[in-house]
Amino acid sequence: MVDRSAEHWYPTAAYLYVLHLDDLGTAWEYLRRNPDYRLDWLRHHRRPKAAQQAAHRWGLRLLEDPALDARDAHPAWLPGHVAVVQLYPDADPPQYAPAFTFWRIAGHKQLLHDGKGLALMAHSPGHCLRFALAPGLEDGMAVAYARRGGAAAPARNHALGA
């Protein structure tokens, strides 16, 4: 016999992942449910020029499939979000400058070329780090990082795995 007392929890449990999303992940969850965005996706996603214009209206470089939730989607947001840390080769590093070490960044990593540059997302339980990687940045190089909007930069040890 099947215990039906737990069935009312099933729909709620399906959305527990949203408790661990960062600001941009939460923004994607709202955007993908917007009926106007869904309509733009259906009308334009197969036509690159129209798709790019539609994407810009929503703050994206490219339209993303609204059927994908924040765990599987890779929305290419337009630049300017304080959640994105920009990493650059340090042209004049001090003696003990932090090095960019890709494999020491904590979490499940995803690389995406958004049509303009390389983006790195590192997902760990409870948080997501987002980086914009500058051209020429290589593993082991001294790195300088910047963040828009006066937001505090991430802790060096946490962000770069040092």
Protein backbone atom coordinates (compact mmCIF):
# COMPACT_ATOMS: atom_id res chain seq x y z
CA MET A 1 0.00 0.00 0.00
CA VAL A 2 1.27 3.49 -0.89
CA ASP A 3 1.55 6.12 1.82
CA ARG A 4 -0.33 9.14 0.46
CA SER A 5 0.43 11.40 3.44
CA ALA A 6 3.61 12.74 1.81
CA GLU A 7 2.16 13.46 -1.65
CA HIS A 8 1.34 17.08 -0.84
CA TRP A 9 5.09 17.74 -0.40
CA TYR A 10 6.08 16.67 -3.92
CA PRO A 11 5.34 19.98 -5.70
CA THR A 12 7.05 21.98 -2.94
CA ALA A 13 10.14 19.76 -2.96
CA ALA A 14 10.54 20.31 -6.71
CA TYR A 15 11.32 23.99 -6.04
CA LEU A 16 13.75 23.65 -3.12
CA TYR A 17 16.67 24.44 -5.44
CA VAL A 18 15.56 28.09 -5.62
CA LEU A 19 16.60 28.56 -1.98
CA HIS A 20 20.24 28.24 -3.08
CA LEU A 21 20.20 30.58 -6.10
CA ASP A 22 22.21 33.77 -6.36
CA ASP A 23 20.66 37.04 -7.57
CA LEU A 24 21.09 36.26 -11.27
CA GLY A 25 19.74 32.72 -10.83
CA THR A 26 16.66 34.12 -9.11
CA ALA A 27 16.30 36.73 -11.86
CA TRP A 28 16.35 33.94 -14.45
CA GLU A 29 13.62 32.03 -12.60
CA TYR A 30 11.38 35.10 -12.75
CA LEU A 31 12.27 35.96 -16.34
CA ARG A 32 11.67 32.48 -17.72
CA ARG A 33 8.12 32.55 -16.34
CA ASN A 34 7.28 35.91 -17.91
CA PRO A 35 4.70 35.35 -20.69
CA ASP A 36 6.17 38.13 -22.85
CA TYR A 37 9.67 36.61 -22.61
CA ARG A 38 8.29 33.18 -23.54
CA LEU A 39 6.59 34.75 -26.55
CA ASP A 40 9.83 36.45 -27.62
CA TRP A 41 11.62 33.10 -27.31
CA LEU A 42 9.05 31.34 -29.48
CA ARG A 43 9.05 34.08 -32.14
CA HIS A 44 12.75 34.89 -32.38
CA HIS A 45 15.09 32.14 -31.11
CA ARG A 46 15.68 30.71 -34.61
CA ARG A 47 16.43 34.10 -36.20
CA PRO A 48 19.78 35.39 -34.87
CA LYS A 49 19.36 39.10 -35.63
CA ALA A 50 15.83 39.29 -34.21
CA ALA A 51 16.83 37.07 -31.28
CA GLN A 52 19.65 39.41 -30.30
CA GLN A 53 17.36 42.45 -30.38
CA ALA A 54 14.74 40.62 -28.31
CA ALA A 55 17.41 39.43 -25.86
CA HIS A 56 18.67 42.98 -25.27
CA ARG A 57 15.18 44.06 -24.22
CA TRP A 58 15.41 41.50 -21.40
CA GLY A 59 18.97 42.35 -20.30
CA LEU A 60 20.49 39.34 -22.08
CA ARG A 61 23.06 39.00 -24.86
CA LEU A 62 21.32 35.89 -26.18
CA LEU A 63 17.86 34.42 -25.65
CA GLU A 64 17.85 31.38 -23.36
CA ASP A 65 15.30 28.57 -23.49
CA PRO A 66 12.67 29.33 -20.82
CA ALA A 67 12.05 25.61 -20.38
CA LEU A 68 15.43 25.36 -18.59
CA ASP A 69 15.49 26.20 -14.90
CA ALA A 70 18.37 28.02 -13.21
CA ARG A 71 20.26 24.77 -12.61
CA ASP A 72 20.52 24.02 -16.33
CA ALA A 73 20.22 27.41 -18.04
CA HIS A 74 23.21 29.60 -18.88
CA PRO A 75 21.68 33.03 -19.49
CA ALA A 76 24.24 35.42 -20.96
CA TRP A 77 23.37 38.61 -19.07
CA LEU A 78 24.46 41.97 -20.42
CA PRO A 79 27.46 43.40 -18.52
CA GLY A 80 27.08 45.54 -15.46
CA HIS A 81 25.78 43.14 -12.81
CA VAL A 82 27.46 43.42 -9.44
CA ALA A 83 27.26 39.63 -9.10
CA VAL A 84 29.92 39.18 -11.81
CA VAL A 85 33.59 39.45 -10.85
CA GLN A 86 35.86 40.44 -13.74
CA LEU A 87 39.25 38.72 -13.82
CA TYR A 88 42.19 40.30 -15.69
CA PRO A 89 45.87 39.40 -16.02
CA ASP A 90 47.73 41.61 -13.54
CA ALA A 91 50.17 43.64 -15.66
CA ASP A 92 52.30 44.72 -12.67
CA PRO A 93 51.72 42.19 -9.89
CA PRO A 94 53.21 42.48 -6.41
CA GLN A 95 55.50 39.68 -5.28
CA TYR A 96 52.75 37.63 -3.60
CA ALA A 97 49.90 38.39 -6.00
CA PRO A 98 47.10 35.82 -6.17
CA ALA A 99 47.31 33.50 -9.17
CA PHE A 100 44.42 32.40 -11.33
CA THR A 101 44.17 28.65 -10.76
CA PHE A 102 41.12 27.34 -12.55
CA TRP A 103 40.99 23.93 -10.85
CA ARG A 104 41.25 25.38 -7.34
CA ILE A 105 38.10 27.46 -7.70
CA ALA A 106 35.58 25.68 -5.49
CA GLY A 107 32.47 24.11 -6.95
CA HIS A 108 31.07 22.67 -10.15
CA LYS A 109 32.44 24.82 -12.97
CA GLN A 110 30.71 25.81 -16.22
CA LEU A 111 32.36 27.79 -19.01
CA LEU A 112 30.29 29.70 -21.52
CA HIS A 113 31.19 31.93 -24.44
CA ASP A 114 28.36 34.46 -24.51
CA GLY A 115 29.17 35.90 -27.91
CA LYS A 116 31.40 38.57 -26.41
CA GLY A 117 33.69 36.85 -23.93
CA LEU A 118 34.29 33.83 -21.74
CA ALA A 119 32.16 33.50 -18.59
CA LEU A 120 32.84 31.09 -15.72
CA MET A 121 30.23 29.99 -13.19
CA ALA A 122 31.22 27.98 -10.13
CA HIS A 123 28.30 26.40 -8.26
CA SER A 124 28.66 25.15 -4.69
CA PRO A 125 25.91 24.28 -2.23
CA GLY A 126 24.36 27.55 -1.14
CA HIS A 127 26.11 29.90 -3.56
CA CYS A 128 27.25 30.59 -7.10
CA LEU A 129 30.31 32.57 -8.16
CA ARG A 130 30.28 34.26 -11.58
CA PHE A 131 33.37 35.50 -13.37
CA ALA A 132 34.03 37.29 -16.66
CA LEU A 133 37.44 36.12 -17.90
CA ALA A 134 39.54 38.64 -19.81
CA PRO A 135 41.23 37.59 -23.04
CA GLY A 136 44.78 36.47 -22.38
CA LEU A 137 44.14 35.24 -18.83
CA GLU A 138 45.83 31.88 -18.37
CA ASP A 139 46.05 29.38 -15.55
CA GLY A 140 48.83 30.33 -13.12
CA MET A 141 48.97 34.02 -14.11
CA ALA A 142 48.82 36.77 -11.54
CA VAL A 143 45.24 37.99 -11.53
CA ALA A 144 43.52 41.26 -10.73
CA TYR A 145 39.80 41.25 -10.10
CA ALA A 146 37.20 43.98 -10.31
CA ARG A 147 33.56 44.30 -9.48
CA ARG A 148 31.03 46.90 -10.68
CA GLY A 149 28.82 49.12 -8.59
CA GLY A 150 31.03 49.44 -5.55
CA ALA A 151 30.22 45.92 -4.38
CA ALA A 152 32.83 44.24 -2.24
CA ALA A 153 35.13 41.83 -4.05
CA PRO A 154 34.92 38.19 -2.99
CA ALA A 155 37.32 36.91 -0.39
CA ARG A 156 40.56 35.98 -2.15
CA ASN A 157 40.73 32.52 -0.66
CA HIS A 158 37.15 31.70 -1.54
CA ALA A 159 37.01 33.08 -5.07
CA LEU A 160 40.35 31.94 -6.38
CA GLY A 161 40.73 28.78 -4.34
CA ALA A 162 43.98 30.03 -2.80
